[in-house]
Amino acid sequence: MRSAVLAGGGASRFGGRPKGLENVGGIRALDRVVEAVIAATGSPPTLIANAPEAAEWRPGLTVVEDVIRHRGSLGGILTAVAAGEGPVLVVGWDMPFVTPGVLGDLVSRSADYDVFLPESRGPPGVEPLCGVYGPACEGPIRRSIEIEDLRTTAFHSEVRAGTLSLEQITTHGNPEVLFFNVNDPDDLARAETLWREQHAATS
């Protein structure tokens, strides 16, 4: 299955430096995500990014710009779906703790759905920036964007949507850690703490 890493947002909160380039445990969040995706799928992801310097972030990755600019995460998801044929595993570049195991589980259980996402305890009840999106999502996403409904789940009623249950997710770790995302400096500090805790537990 093809894959895509969404690389957008958050630069203003880090003094202009893109958030996915921040280090967690001495390794950039982007690199952690890319390596997890490669381990889960067997091939490198496409990088969905609009920054002019994006090709320099991780040489060797194909960079694709948003097909519709300034539409937030939903625009990134649309671009990932439209960038190739068949379903695509989509992961945000600010999730440094996502694992090959949970990504592989999403891929292996997604066959009967157009969108397949991890269940979440918080709103909107799923993790939209870590899941599998099929070709049937493209039309509904475009319609949502046309009416300026940019919620990442706005189109779900028009497709077959499924979830990886919290019970299944916990076999891979703590969901709140697996899908923790770094949006601002406070999150980055928290990520460092989480990394140290994980490292101490396994050392």
C-alpha atoms as a PDB file:
ATOM      1  CA  MET A   1       0.000   0.000   0.000  1.00  0.00           C
ATOM      2  CA  ARG A   2       1.243   3.480  -0.807  1.00  0.00           C
ATOM      3  CA  SER A   3       1.667   5.999   1.985  1.00  0.00           C
ATOM      4  CA  ALA A   4       1.913   9.729   2.593  1.00  0.00           C
ATOM      5  CA  VAL A   5       3.233  11.892   5.396  1.00  0.00           C
ATOM      6  CA  LEU A   6       1.438  15.196   5.845  1.00  0.00           C
ATOM      7  CA  ALA A   7       3.942  17.973   6.535  1.00  0.00           C
ATOM      8  CA  GLY A   8       2.119  21.175   7.244  1.00  0.00           C
ATOM      9  CA  GLY A   9       1.247  23.698   9.929  1.00  0.00           C
ATOM     10  CA  GLY A  10       2.850  24.772  13.159  1.00  0.00           C
ATOM     11  CA  ALA A  11       5.895  26.657  11.859  1.00  0.00           C
ATOM     12  CA  SER A  12       4.783  29.929  13.472  1.00  0.00           C
ATOM     13  CA  ARG A  13       4.841  28.264  16.892  1.00  0.00           C
ATOM     14  CA  PHE A  14       8.495  27.280  16.572  1.00  0.00           C
ATOM     15  CA  GLY A  15       9.923  30.577  15.396  1.00  0.00           C
ATOM     16  CA  GLY A  16       9.414  29.711  11.745  1.00  0.00           C
ATOM     17  CA  ARG A  17      10.994  26.256  11.942  1.00  0.00           C
ATOM     18  CA  PRO A  18       8.603  23.523  10.697  1.00  0.00           C
ATOM     19  CA  LYS A  19       7.447  21.459  13.651  1.00  0.00           C
ATOM     20  CA  GLY A  20       8.227  18.105  12.068  1.00  0.00           C
ATOM     21  CA  LEU A  21      11.899  19.052  11.981  1.00  0.00           C
ATOM     22  CA  GLU A  22      12.056  19.365  15.769  1.00  0.00           C
ATOM     23  CA  ASN A  23      13.966  16.629  17.597  1.00  0.00           C
ATOM     24  CA  VAL A  24      12.395  14.159  19.981  1.00  0.00           C
ATOM     25  CA  GLY A  25      14.966  12.036  21.728  1.00  0.00           C
ATOM     26  CA  GLY A  26      17.634  13.394  19.408  1.00  0.00           C
ATOM     27  CA  ILE A  27      15.810  12.352  16.222  1.00  0.00           C
ATOM     28  CA  ARG A  28      13.570  14.565  14.124  1.00  0.00           C
ATOM     29  CA  ALA A  29       9.863  13.831  14.368  1.00  0.00           C
ATOM     30  CA  LEU A  30       9.733  13.589  10.571  1.00  0.00           C
ATOM     31  CA  ASP A  31      12.406  10.891  10.528  1.00  0.00           C
ATOM     32  CA  ARG A  32      10.675   8.905  13.249  1.00  0.00           C
ATOM     33  CA  VAL A  33       7.399   8.954  11.307  1.00  0.00           C
ATOM     34  CA  VAL A  34       9.000   8.111   7.970  1.00  0.00           C
ATOM     35  CA  GLU A  35      10.897   5.159   9.429  1.00  0.00           C
ATOM     36  CA  ALA A  36       7.732   3.815  11.062  1.00  0.00           C
ATOM     37  CA  VAL A  37       5.860   4.096   7.761  1.00  0.00           C
ATOM     38  CA  ILE A  38       8.642   2.348   5.830  1.00  0.00           C
ATOM     39  CA  ALA A  39       8.742  -0.457   8.382  1.00  0.00           C
ATOM     40  CA  ALA A  40       4.966  -0.900   8.149  1.00  0.00           C
ATOM     41  CA  THR A  41       4.573  -0.707   4.358  1.00  0.00           C
ATOM     42  CA  GLY A  42       7.965  -1.674   2.951  1.00  0.00           C
ATOM     43  CA  SER A  43       8.365   1.497   0.903  1.00  0.00           C
ATOM     44  CA  PRO A  44       8.986   5.215   1.501  1.00  0.00           C
ATOM     45  CA  PRO A  45       6.035   7.596   1.747  1.00  0.00           C
ATOM     46  CA  THR A  46       5.207  10.595  -0.366  1.00  0.00           C
ATOM     47  CA  LEU A  47       5.738  13.852   1.503  1.00  0.00           C
ATOM     48  CA  ILE A  48       2.776  16.212   1.230  1.00  0.00           C
ATOM     49  CA  ALA A  49       4.251  19.680   1.724  1.00  0.00           C
ATOM     50  CA  ASN A  50       4.044  23.173   0.289  1.00  0.00           C
ATOM     51  CA  ALA A  51       7.271  24.653   1.648  1.00  0.00           C
ATOM     52  CA  PRO A  52       9.803  25.474  -1.101  1.00  0.00           C
ATOM     53  CA  GLU A  53      12.559  23.730   0.864  1.00  0.00           C
ATOM     54  CA  ALA A  54      10.555  20.551   1.521  1.00  0.00           C
ATOM     55  CA  ALA A  55      12.648  18.461  -0.888  1.00  0.00           C
ATOM     56  CA  GLU A  56      15.653  19.106   1.353  1.00  0.00           C
ATOM     57  CA  TRP A  57      13.981  17.834   4.522  1.00  0.00           C
ATOM     58  CA  ARG A  58      14.301  14.167   3.659  1.00  0.00           C
ATOM     59  CA  PRO A  59      16.174  13.624   0.386  1.00  0.00           C
ATOM     60  CA  GLY A  60      14.804  10.689  -1.578  1.00  0.00           C
ATOM     61  CA  LEU A  61      11.161  11.297  -0.786  1.00  0.00           C
ATOM     62  CA  THR A  62       8.808  12.478  -3.511  1.00  0.00           C
ATOM     63  CA  VAL A  63       7.264  15.816  -2.510  1.00  0.00           C
ATOM     64  CA  VAL A  64       3.738  16.697  -3.632  1.00  0.00           C
ATOM     65  CA  GLU A  65       2.130  20.086  -3.014  1.00  0.00           C
ATOM     66  CA  ASP A  66      -1.505  20.439  -1.972  1.00  0.00           C
ATOM     67  CA  VAL A  67      -3.914  20.200  -4.882  1.00  0.00           C
ATOM     68  CA  ILE A  68      -6.026  22.879  -3.157  1.00  0.00           C
ATOM     69  CA  ARG A  69      -4.041  25.303  -1.014  1.00  0.00           C
ATOM     70  CA  HIS A  70      -4.972  26.680   2.394  1.00  0.00           C
ATOM     71  CA  ARG A  71      -7.482  24.002   3.300  1.00  0.00           C
ATOM     72  CA  GLY A  72      -5.731  22.655   6.360  1.00  0.00           C
ATOM     73  CA  SER A  73      -5.473  18.982   7.185  1.00  0.00           C
ATOM     74  CA  LEU A  74      -8.425  18.091   4.970  1.00  0.00           C
ATOM     75  CA  GLY A  75      -6.579  19.546   1.988  1.00  0.00           C
ATOM     76  CA  GLY A  76      -3.564  17.424   2.845  1.00  0.00           C
ATOM     77  CA  ILE A  77      -5.672  14.290   3.058  1.00  0.00           C
ATOM     78  CA  LEU A  78      -7.235  15.091  -0.328  1.00  0.00           C
ATOM     79  CA  THR A  79      -3.782  15.520  -1.842  1.00  0.00           C
ATOM     80  CA  ALA A  80      -2.611  12.187  -0.441  1.00  0.00           C
ATOM     81  CA  VAL A  81      -5.658  10.412  -1.878  1.00  0.00           C
ATOM     82  CA  ALA A  82      -5.325  12.106  -5.275  1.00  0.00           C
ATOM     83  CA  ALA A  83      -1.550  11.559  -5.536  1.00  0.00           C
ATOM     84  CA  GLY A  84      -1.844   7.958  -6.753  1.00  0.00           C
ATOM     85  CA  GLU A  85      -4.063   4.954  -7.279  1.00  0.00           C
ATOM     86  CA  GLY A  86      -5.617   2.790  -4.615  1.00  0.00           C
ATOM     87  CA  PRO A  87      -5.782   3.389  -0.853  1.00  0.00           C
ATOM     88  CA  VAL A  88      -3.140   5.370   0.991  1.00  0.00           C
ATOM     89  CA  LEU A  89      -1.860   5.249   4.555  1.00  0.00           C
ATOM     90  CA  VAL A  90      -1.777   8.850   5.798  1.00  0.00           C
ATOM     91  CA  VAL A  91       0.235   9.945   8.839  1.00  0.00           C
ATOM     92  CA  GLY A  92       0.884  13.413  10.237  1.00  0.00           C
ATOM     93  CA  TRP A  93       4.569  14.280  10.526  1.00  0.00           C
ATOM     94  CA  ASP A  94       4.202  15.448  14.121  1.00  0.00           C
ATOM     95  CA  MET A  95       3.436  12.016  15.645  1.00  0.00           C
ATOM     96  CA  PRO A  96       6.881  10.894  16.843  1.00  0.00           C
ATOM     97  CA  PHE A  97       5.639   7.870  18.787  1.00  0.00           C
ATOM     98  CA  VAL A  98       3.548   6.149  16.131  1.00  0.00           C
ATOM     99  CA  THR A  99       4.800   2.580  15.623  1.00  0.00           C
ATOM    100  CA  PRO A 100       5.081   0.202  12.674  1.00  0.00           C
ATOM    101  CA  GLY A 101       2.838  -2.192  14.573  1.00  0.00           C
ATOM    102  CA  VAL A 102      -0.149   0.086  14.865  1.00  0.00           C
ATOM    103  CA  LEU A 103       0.307   1.345  11.297  1.00  0.00           C
ATOM    104  CA  GLY A 104       0.469  -2.214  10.020  1.00  0.00           C
ATOM    105  CA  ASP A 105      -2.691  -3.072  11.943  1.00  0.00           C
ATOM    106  CA  LEU A 106      -4.503  -0.159  10.328  1.00  0.00           C
ATOM    107  CA  VAL A 107      -3.411  -1.287   6.883  1.00  0.00           C
ATOM    108  CA  SER A 108      -4.283  -4.959   7.416  1.00  0.00           C
ATOM    109  CA  ARG A 109      -7.783  -4.254   8.764  1.00  0.00           C
ATOM    110  CA  SER A 110      -8.778  -1.526   6.290  1.00  0.00           C
ATOM    111  CA  ALA A 111      -9.766  -3.587   3.258  1.00  0.00           C
ATOM    112  CA  ASP A 112     -13.544  -3.318   3.742  1.00  0.00           C
ATOM    113  CA  TYR A 113     -13.607   0.439   4.301  1.00  0.00           C
ATOM    114  CA  ASP A 114     -13.079   3.680   2.389  1.00  0.00           C
ATOM    115  CA  VAL A 115     -11.627   5.367   5.475  1.00  0.00           C
ATOM    116  CA  PHE A 116     -10.206   3.441   8.427  1.00  0.00           C
ATOM    117  CA  LEU A 117      -8.966   5.341  11.473  1.00  0.00           C
ATOM    118  CA  PRO A 118      -7.869   4.649  15.043  1.00  0.00           C
ATOM    119  CA  GLU A 119     -10.535   5.188  17.661  1.00  0.00           C
ATOM    120  CA  SER A 120      -9.888   8.066  20.066  1.00  0.00           C
ATOM    121  CA  ARG A 121     -11.225   9.068  23.478  1.00  0.00           C
ATOM    122  CA  GLY A 122     -11.315  12.735  22.495  1.00  0.00           C
ATOM    123  CA  PRO A 123     -13.245  14.624  19.836  1.00  0.00           C
ATOM    124  CA  PRO A 124     -13.993  13.732  17.073  1.00  0.00           C
ATOM    125  CA  GLY A 125     -13.711  10.156  18.350  1.00  0.00           C
ATOM    126  CA  VAL A 126     -11.036   9.142  15.828  1.00  0.00           C
ATOM    127  CA  GLU A 127      -7.466  10.113  14.868  1.00  0.00           C
ATOM    128  CA  PRO A 128      -7.936  11.513  11.325  1.00  0.00           C
ATOM    129  CA  LEU A 129      -4.229  12.137  10.701  1.00  0.00           C
ATOM    130  CA  CYS A 130      -3.265   8.513  11.103  1.00  0.00           C
ATOM    131  CA  GLY A 131      -5.301   6.172   8.943  1.00  0.00           C
ATOM    132  CA  VAL A 132      -6.078   4.637   5.596  1.00  0.00           C
ATOM    133  CA  TYR A 133      -8.039   6.562   2.960  1.00  0.00           C
ATOM    134  CA  GLY A 134      -9.399   4.957  -0.206  1.00  0.00           C
ATOM    135  CA  PRO A 135     -10.119   6.455  -3.644  1.00  0.00           C
ATOM    136  CA  ALA A 136     -13.832   6.801  -2.823  1.00  0.00           C
ATOM    137  CA  CYS A 137     -12.928   9.589  -0.390  1.00  0.00           C
ATOM    138  CA  GLU A 138     -11.770  12.003  -3.076  1.00  0.00           C
ATOM    139  CA  GLY A 139     -15.164  13.171  -4.331  1.00  0.00           C
ATOM    140  CA  PRO A 140     -16.724  13.634  -0.883  1.00  0.00           C
ATOM    141  CA  ILE A 141     -13.646  15.491   0.386  1.00  0.00           C
ATOM    142  CA  ARG A 142     -13.733  17.840  -2.593  1.00  0.00           C
ATOM    143  CA  ARG A 143     -17.423  18.526  -1.946  1.00  0.00           C
ATOM    144  CA  SER A 144     -16.697  19.299   1.711  1.00  0.00           C
ATOM    145  CA  ILE A 145     -13.982  21.723   0.700  1.00  0.00           C
ATOM    146  CA  GLU A 146     -16.278  23.385  -1.835  1.00  0.00           C
ATOM    147  CA  ILE A 147     -18.764  24.227   0.917  1.00  0.00           C
ATOM    148  CA  GLU A 148     -15.930  25.286   3.257  1.00  0.00           C
ATOM    149  CA  ASP A 149     -16.555  22.455   5.723  1.00  0.00           C
ATOM    150  CA  LEU A 150     -12.938  21.671   6.559  1.00  0.00           C
ATOM    151  CA  ARG A 151     -13.559  19.242   9.404  1.00  0.00           C
ATOM    152  CA  THR A 152     -11.437  16.165   8.796  1.00  0.00           C
ATOM    153  CA  THR A 153     -14.445  13.909   9.366  1.00  0.00           C
ATOM    154  CA  ALA A 154     -16.979  16.025   7.463  1.00  0.00           C
ATOM    155  CA  PHE A 155     -17.266  13.568   4.582  1.00  0.00           C
ATOM    156  CA  HIS A 156     -17.481  10.332   6.562  1.00  0.00           C
ATOM    157  CA  SER A 157     -21.243   9.977   6.140  1.00  0.00           C
ATOM    158  CA  GLU A 158     -20.706   9.594   2.381  1.00  0.00           C
ATOM    159  CA  VAL A 159     -18.203   6.718   2.580  1.00  0.00           C
ATOM    160  CA  ARG A 160     -17.698   3.418   4.386  1.00  0.00           C
ATOM    161  CA  ALA A 161     -15.947   4.458   7.590  1.00  0.00           C
ATOM    162  CA  GLY A 162     -14.409   2.023  10.066  1.00  0.00           C
ATOM    163  CA  THR A 163     -12.261   2.246  13.171  1.00  0.00           C
ATOM    164  CA  LEU A 164      -9.454   0.368  14.834  1.00  0.00           C
ATOM    165  CA  SER A 165     -10.812  -0.037  18.352  1.00  0.00           C
ATOM    166  CA  LEU A 166      -9.077   1.257  21.444  1.00  0.00           C
ATOM    167  CA  GLU A 167      -8.842  -2.342  22.639  1.00  0.00           C
ATOM    168  CA  GLN A 168      -6.910  -3.270  19.507  1.00  0.00           C
ATOM    169  CA  ILE A 169      -4.764  -0.142  19.708  1.00  0.00           C
ATOM    170  CA  THR A 170      -3.705  -0.868  23.282  1.00  0.00           C
ATOM    171  CA  THR A 171      -2.012  -4.065  22.110  1.00  0.00           C
ATOM    172  CA  HIS A 172       0.543  -1.712  20.538  1.00  0.00           C
ATOM    173  CA  GLY A 173       0.864   0.711  23.436  1.00  0.00           C
ATOM    174  CA  ASN A 174      -0.854   3.618  25.135  1.00  0.00           C
ATOM    175  CA  PRO A 175      -3.098   5.346  22.548  1.00  0.00           C
ATOM    176  CA  GLU A 176      -2.423   8.737  24.129  1.00  0.00           C
ATOM    177  CA  VAL A 177       1.290   8.249  23.480  1.00  0.00           C
ATOM    178  CA  LEU A 178       1.088   6.480  20.121  1.00  0.00           C
ATOM    179  CA  PHE A 179      -0.888   9.347  18.579  1.00  0.00           C
ATOM    180  CA  PHE A 180       0.593  12.200  20.582  1.00  0.00           C
ATOM    181  CA  ASN A 181       1.225  15.127  18.251  1.00  0.00           C
ATOM    182  CA  VAL A 182       3.612  18.026  18.647  1.00  0.00           C
ATOM    183  CA  ASN A 183       1.822  21.292  17.908  1.00  0.00           C
ATOM    184  CA  ASP A 184       3.719  23.800  20.054  1.00  0.00           C
ATOM    185  CA  PRO A 185       6.775  24.099  22.325  1.00  0.00           C
ATOM    186  CA  ASP A 186       4.855  22.765  25.326  1.00  0.00           C
ATOM    187  CA  ASP A 187       3.970  19.647  23.347  1.00  0.00           C
ATOM    188  CA  LEU A 188       7.609  19.279  22.347  1.00  0.00           C
ATOM    189  CA  ALA A 189       8.681  19.402  25.980  1.00  0.00           C
ATOM    190  CA  ARG A 190       6.039  16.822  26.838  1.00  0.00           C
ATOM    191  CA  ALA A 191       7.242  14.619  23.967  1.00  0.00           C
ATOM    192  CA  GLU A 192      10.773  14.733  25.366  1.00  0.00           C
ATOM    193  CA  THR A 193       9.446  13.628  28.743  1.00  0.00           C
ATOM    194  CA  LEU A 194       7.491  10.790  27.157  1.00  0.00           C
ATOM    195  CA  TRP A 195      10.557   9.704  25.196  1.00  0.00           C
ATOM    196  CA  ARG A 196      12.706   9.642  28.326  1.00  0.00           C
ATOM    197  CA  GLU A 197      10.058   7.606  30.143  1.00  0.00           C
ATOM    198  CA  GLN A 198       9.893   5.110  27.286  1.00  0.00           C
ATOM    199  CA  HIS A 199      13.675   4.923  27.024  1.00  0.00           C
ATOM    200  CA  ALA A 200      14.032   4.353  30.768  1.00  0.00           C
ATOM    201  CA  ALA A 201      11.439   1.580  30.663  1.00  0.00           C
ATOM    202  CA  THR A 202      13.266  -0.303  27.893  1.00  0.00           C
ATOM    203  CA  SER A 203      16.861   0.277  28.985  1.00  0.00           C
END
